[in-house]
């Protein structure tokens, strides 16, 4: 368990591992549509990409400000 947070599904962990470097590389965050596109490039279906982003947000591994995804 990371930082005493609720554990993630395997697919959400994979998504976070894929998105983390891109989010860290920007000072503003990553748009949800860009994040979904990046996940689709890695063989996530559109529905799966949306679901894992929702899971990451609900469990506190990502947060959203002004439409941009950021890391806590």
N, C-alpha and C. Protein backbone atom coordinates (compact mmCIF):
# COMPACT_ATOMS: atom_id res chain seq x y z
N UNK A 1 0.85 -1.17 0.00
CA UNK A 1 0.00 0.00 0.00
C UNK A 1 0.90 1.24 0.00
N UNK A 2 0.63 2.16 -0.90
CA UNK A 2 1.42 3.38 -1.00
C UNK A 2 0.87 4.45 -0.07
N UNK A 3 1.72 4.97 0.78
CA UNK A 3 1.36 6.11 1.64
C UNK A 3 0.04 5.91 2.38
N UNK A 4 -0.25 4.69 2.79
CA UNK A 4 -1.47 4.38 3.55
C UNK A 4 -2.75 4.72 2.80
N UNK A 5 -2.69 4.81 1.50
CA UNK A 5 -3.89 5.07 0.71
C UNK A 5 -4.56 3.75 0.35
N UNK A 6 -5.77 3.85 -0.11
CA UNK A 6 -6.50 2.68 -0.56
C UNK A 6 -5.75 2.04 -1.73
N UNK A 7 -5.56 0.72 -1.69
CA UNK A 7 -4.83 0.06 -2.77
C UNK A 7 -5.54 0.21 -4.11
N UNK A 8 -4.75 0.18 -5.16
CA UNK A 8 -5.26 0.31 -6.52
C UNK A 8 -5.39 -1.05 -7.19
N UNK A 9 -6.27 -1.11 -8.18
CA UNK A 9 -6.32 -2.29 -9.04
C UNK A 9 -5.03 -2.33 -9.86
N UNK A 10 -4.73 -3.48 -10.40
CA UNK A 10 -3.51 -3.62 -11.21
C UNK A 10 -3.53 -2.68 -12.40
N UNK A 11 -4.68 -2.52 -13.04
CA UNK A 11 -4.75 -1.64 -14.21
C UNK A 11 -4.58 -0.18 -13.82
N UNK A 12 -5.08 0.22 -12.66
CA UNK A 12 -4.90 1.60 -12.21
C UNK A 12 -3.44 1.86 -11.85
N UNK A 13 -2.77 0.87 -11.25
CA UNK A 13 -1.34 1.02 -10.96
C UNK A 13 -0.55 1.18 -12.24
N UNK A 14 -0.89 0.38 -13.25
CA UNK A 14 -0.21 0.48 -14.54
C UNK A 14 -0.43 1.86 -15.16
N UNK A 15 -1.67 2.34 -15.10
CA UNK A 15 -1.99 3.65 -15.65
C UNK A 15 -1.21 4.75 -14.92
N UNK A 16 -1.14 4.67 -13.61
CA UNK A 16 -0.40 5.68 -12.84
C UNK A 16 1.08 5.65 -13.20
N UNK A 17 1.63 4.46 -13.34
CA UNK A 17 3.04 4.33 -13.74
C UNK A 17 3.29 4.94 -15.11
N UNK A 18 2.32 4.83 -16.01
CA UNK A 18 2.46 5.40 -17.35
C UNK A 18 2.31 6.92 -17.35
N UNK A 19 1.40 7.41 -16.53
CA UNK A 19 1.09 8.84 -16.55
C UNK A 19 2.00 9.69 -15.66
N UNK A 20 2.52 9.10 -14.59
CA UNK A 20 3.32 9.86 -13.62
C UNK A 20 4.44 10.67 -14.28
N UNK A 21 5.28 10.08 -15.15
CA UNK A 21 6.37 10.87 -15.74
C UNK A 21 5.87 12.08 -16.54
N UNK A 22 4.77 11.89 -17.24
CA UNK A 22 4.23 13.01 -18.03
C UNK A 22 3.66 14.11 -17.14
N UNK A 23 2.99 13.71 -16.09
CA UNK A 23 2.42 14.71 -15.17
C UNK A 23 3.55 15.44 -14.45
N UNK A 24 4.58 14.70 -14.04
CA UNK A 24 5.71 15.33 -13.34
C UNK A 24 6.50 16.26 -14.25
N UNK A 25 6.45 16.03 -15.55
CA UNK A 25 7.22 16.84 -16.51
C UNK A 25 6.58 18.20 -16.78
N UNK A 26 5.37 18.41 -16.29
CA UNK A 26 4.69 19.67 -16.52
C UNK A 26 4.38 20.36 -15.19
N UNK A 27 4.41 21.65 -15.19
CA UNK A 27 4.09 22.39 -13.97
C UNK A 27 2.59 22.63 -13.83
N UNK A 28 1.84 22.41 -14.90
CA UNK A 28 0.42 22.71 -14.87
C UNK A 28 -0.47 21.48 -14.72
N UNK A 29 0.01 20.31 -15.06
CA UNK A 29 -0.81 19.10 -15.02
C UNK A 29 -1.13 18.63 -16.42
N UNK A 30 -1.88 17.58 -16.50
CA UNK A 30 -2.21 16.93 -17.77
C UNK A 30 -3.73 16.91 -17.90
N UNK A 31 -4.24 17.30 -19.05
CA UNK A 31 -5.69 17.27 -19.22
C UNK A 31 -6.19 15.83 -19.20
N UNK A 32 -7.42 15.67 -18.79
CA UNK A 32 -8.00 14.32 -18.73
C UNK A 32 -8.03 13.69 -20.12
N UNK A 33 -8.37 14.48 -21.13
CA UNK A 33 -8.42 13.92 -22.49
C UNK A 33 -7.04 13.48 -22.97
N UNK A 34 -6.01 14.23 -22.63
CA UNK A 34 -4.64 13.83 -22.98
C UNK A 34 -4.26 12.56 -22.24
N UNK A 35 -4.61 12.49 -20.97
CA UNK A 35 -4.31 11.29 -20.18
C UNK A 35 -5.01 10.07 -20.78
N UNK A 36 -6.27 10.24 -21.16
CA UNK A 36 -7.01 9.13 -21.77
C UNK A 36 -6.37 8.72 -23.09
N UNK A 37 -5.91 9.68 -23.87
CA UNK A 37 -5.23 9.37 -25.14
C UNK A 37 -3.94 8.60 -24.91
N UNK A 38 -3.17 9.03 -23.90
CA UNK A 38 -1.91 8.33 -23.59
C UNK A 38 -2.17 6.89 -23.18
N UNK A 39 -3.22 6.69 -22.40
CA UNK A 39 -3.57 5.33 -21.99
C UNK A 39 -4.07 4.51 -23.17
N UNK A 40 -4.83 5.13 -24.06
CA UNK A 40 -5.30 4.42 -25.25
C UNK A 40 -4.13 4.00 -26.13
N UNK A 41 -3.08 4.83 -26.15
CA UNK A 41 -1.87 4.47 -26.90
C UNK A 41 -1.20 3.23 -26.32
N UNK A 42 -1.48 2.95 -25.06
CA UNK A 42 -0.88 1.79 -24.37
C UNK A 42 -1.88 0.65 -24.23
N UNK A 43 -2.83 0.59 -25.14
CA UNK A 43 -3.77 -0.53 -25.25
C UNK A 43 -4.87 -0.56 -24.19
N UNK A 44 -5.13 0.56 -23.52
CA UNK A 44 -6.32 0.66 -22.69
C UNK A 44 -7.47 1.02 -23.63
N UNK A 45 -8.63 0.42 -23.44
CA UNK A 45 -9.79 0.85 -24.20
C UNK A 45 -10.23 2.21 -23.66
N UNK A 46 -11.07 2.91 -24.41
CA UNK A 46 -11.56 4.21 -23.94
C UNK A 46 -12.27 4.08 -22.60
N UNK A 47 -13.11 3.05 -22.47
CA UNK A 47 -13.84 2.84 -21.22
C UNK A 47 -12.90 2.51 -20.07
N UNK A 48 -11.90 1.67 -20.34
CA UNK A 48 -10.93 1.31 -19.29
C UNK A 48 -10.11 2.52 -18.86
N UNK A 49 -9.71 3.34 -19.82
CA UNK A 49 -8.94 4.54 -19.49
C UNK A 49 -9.75 5.47 -18.60
N UNK A 50 -11.00 5.68 -18.95
CA UNK A 50 -11.87 6.53 -18.14
C UNK A 50 -12.06 5.94 -16.74
N UNK A 51 -12.22 4.63 -16.67
CA UNK A 51 -12.44 3.97 -15.38
C UNK A 51 -11.21 4.06 -14.47
N UNK A 52 -10.03 3.84 -15.02
CA UNK A 52 -8.83 3.90 -14.16
C UNK A 52 -8.55 5.34 -13.73
N UNK A 53 -8.82 6.32 -14.58
CA UNK A 53 -8.64 7.71 -14.16
C UNK A 53 -9.61 8.05 -13.02
N UNK A 54 -10.83 7.58 -13.14
CA UNK A 54 -11.80 7.80 -12.07
C UNK A 54 -11.33 7.15 -10.77
N UNK A 55 -10.81 5.92 -10.88
CA UNK A 55 -10.29 5.23 -9.69
C UNK A 55 -9.13 6.01 -9.07
N UNK A 56 -8.21 6.47 -9.89
CA UNK A 56 -7.06 7.23 -9.38
C UNK A 56 -7.50 8.51 -8.69
N UNK A 57 -8.50 9.16 -9.23
CA UNK A 57 -9.02 10.39 -8.63
C UNK A 57 -9.76 10.08 -7.32
N UNK A 58 -10.62 9.07 -7.34
CA UNK A 58 -11.42 8.75 -6.16
C UNK A 58 -10.57 8.28 -4.99
N UNK A 59 -9.46 7.62 -5.29
CA UNK A 59 -8.61 7.08 -4.23
C UNK A 59 -7.47 8.01 -3.84
N UNK A 60 -7.42 9.20 -4.46
CA UNK A 60 -6.47 10.21 -4.05
C UNK A 60 -5.08 10.10 -4.64
N UNK A 61 -4.92 9.30 -5.67
CA UNK A 61 -3.60 9.18 -6.31
C UNK A 61 -3.38 10.29 -7.33
N UNK A 62 -4.46 10.86 -7.81
CA UNK A 62 -4.45 12.05 -8.67
C UNK A 62 -5.49 13.01 -8.12
N UNK A 63 -5.34 14.28 -8.45
CA UNK A 63 -6.41 15.23 -8.19
C UNK A 63 -6.54 16.12 -9.42
N UNK A 64 -7.69 16.77 -9.52
CA UNK A 64 -7.99 17.57 -10.70
C UNK A 64 -8.26 19.01 -10.30
N UNK A 65 -7.58 19.93 -10.99
CA UNK A 65 -7.78 21.36 -10.77
C UNK A 65 -7.93 22.02 -12.13
N UNK A 66 -9.02 22.73 -12.31
CA UNK A 66 -9.28 23.43 -13.57
C UNK A 66 -9.12 22.51 -14.78
N UNK A 67 -9.60 21.28 -14.64
CA UNK A 67 -9.57 20.33 -15.75
C UNK A 67 -8.24 19.65 -15.99
N UNK A 68 -7.26 19.89 -15.11
CA UNK A 68 -5.94 19.29 -15.27
C UNK A 68 -5.66 18.30 -14.15
N UNK A 69 -5.12 17.15 -14.51
CA UNK A 69 -4.78 16.12 -13.55
C UNK A 69 -3.39 16.40 -12.98
N UNK A 70 -3.29 16.26 -11.67
CA UNK A 70 -2.02 16.51 -10.98
C UNK A 70 -1.77 15.41 -9.96
N UNK A 71 -0.53 15.31 -9.55
CA UNK A 71 -0.15 14.37 -8.50
C UNK A 71 -0.17 15.08 -7.16
N UNK A 72 -0.60 14.40 -6.11
CA UNK A 72 -0.60 15.05 -4.78
C UNK A 72 0.81 15.33 -4.29
